[in-house]
Amino acid sequence: VWGYDHLGDSRLVDACIQRLRAKVENAPATPRYVQTVRGFGYRFGPL
């Protein structure tokens, strides 16, 4: 639809992580389960 030159929204993953944290975390501002790993991405922990 948009063609090959369309890069999309680079904040889409951030928005999804924010919504996920709002659902699973007691305090989304200080996440315990959905953690950001700088330079890599995200991880789910602690188990």
C-alpha atoms as a PDB file:
ATOM      1  CA  VAL A   1       0.000   0.000   0.000  1.00  0.00           C
ATOM      2  CA  TRP A   2       2.707   2.495   1.006  1.00  0.00           C
ATOM      3  CA  GLY A   3       5.471   1.155  -1.220  1.00  0.00           C
ATOM      4  CA  TYR A   4       9.000   0.090  -0.394  1.00  0.00           C
ATOM      5  CA  ASP A   5      10.149   3.574   0.640  1.00  0.00           C
ATOM      6  CA  HIS A   6       7.761   3.698   3.615  1.00  0.00           C
ATOM      7  CA  LEU A   7       9.659   3.112   6.872  1.00  0.00           C
ATOM      8  CA  GLY A   8       6.652   3.171   9.171  1.00  0.00           C
ATOM      9  CA  ASP A   9       6.465   4.574  12.662  1.00  0.00           C
ATOM     10  CA  SER A  10       9.672   3.964  14.603  1.00  0.00           C
ATOM     11  CA  ARG A  11       7.806   4.464  17.905  1.00  0.00           C
ATOM     12  CA  LEU A  12       5.363   1.593  17.306  1.00  0.00           C
ATOM     13  CA  VAL A  13       7.298  -0.879  19.473  1.00  0.00           C
ATOM     14  CA  ASP A  14       7.636   1.706  22.251  1.00  0.00           C
ATOM     15  CA  ALA A  15       3.883   2.297  22.224  1.00  0.00           C
ATOM     16  CA  CYS A  16       3.173  -1.443  22.401  1.00  0.00           C
ATOM     17  CA  ILE A  17       5.616  -1.902  25.290  1.00  0.00           C
ATOM     18  CA  GLN A  18       3.987   1.012  27.122  1.00  0.00           C
ATOM     19  CA  ARG A  19       0.545  -0.590  26.759  1.00  0.00           C
ATOM     20  CA  LEU A  20       1.899  -3.980  27.853  1.00  0.00           C
ATOM     21  CA  ARG A  21       3.517  -2.462  30.943  1.00  0.00           C
ATOM     22  CA  ALA A  22       0.262  -0.702  31.827  1.00  0.00           C
ATOM     23  CA  LYS A  23      -1.457  -4.094  31.841  1.00  0.00           C
ATOM     24  CA  VAL A  24       1.104  -6.269  33.667  1.00  0.00           C
ATOM     25  CA  GLU A  25       3.054  -3.936  35.946  1.00  0.00           C
ATOM     26  CA  ASN A  26       1.909  -2.674  39.343  1.00  0.00           C
ATOM     27  CA  ALA A  27       3.953   0.499  38.764  1.00  0.00           C
ATOM     28  CA  PRO A  28       4.552   0.981  35.004  1.00  0.00           C
ATOM     29  CA  ALA A  29       6.938   3.901  35.649  1.00  0.00           C
ATOM     30  CA  THR A  30       9.307   1.508  37.445  1.00  0.00           C
ATOM     31  CA  PRO A  31       8.929  -1.721  35.462  1.00  0.00           C
ATOM     32  CA  ARG A  32       9.772  -5.027  37.087  1.00  0.00           C
ATOM     33  CA  TYR A  33       8.614  -7.550  34.484  1.00  0.00           C
ATOM     34  CA  VAL A  34       9.021  -5.897  31.074  1.00  0.00           C
ATOM     35  CA  GLN A  35      12.563  -4.555  31.230  1.00  0.00           C
ATOM     36  CA  THR A  36      14.478  -2.438  28.737  1.00  0.00           C
ATOM     37  CA  VAL A  37      17.933  -3.747  27.807  1.00  0.00           C
ATOM     38  CA  ARG A  38      19.838  -0.828  26.326  1.00  0.00           C
ATOM     39  CA  GLY A  39      21.342  -1.562  22.928  1.00  0.00           C
ATOM     40  CA  PHE A  40      19.412  -4.842  22.644  1.00  0.00           C
ATOM     41  CA  GLY A  41      15.680  -4.438  23.190  1.00  0.00           C
ATOM     42  CA  TYR A  42      13.331  -5.765  25.840  1.00  0.00           C
ATOM     43  CA  ARG A  43      13.143  -8.805  28.056  1.00  0.00           C
ATOM     44  CA  PHE A  44      10.562 -10.341  30.339  1.00  0.00           C
ATOM     45  CA  GLY A  45      11.740 -11.052  33.858  1.00  0.00           C
ATOM     46  CA  PRO A  46      12.138 -11.889  36.676  1.00  0.00           C
ATOM     47  CA  LEU A  47      10.732 -15.365  36.471  1.00  0.00           C
END
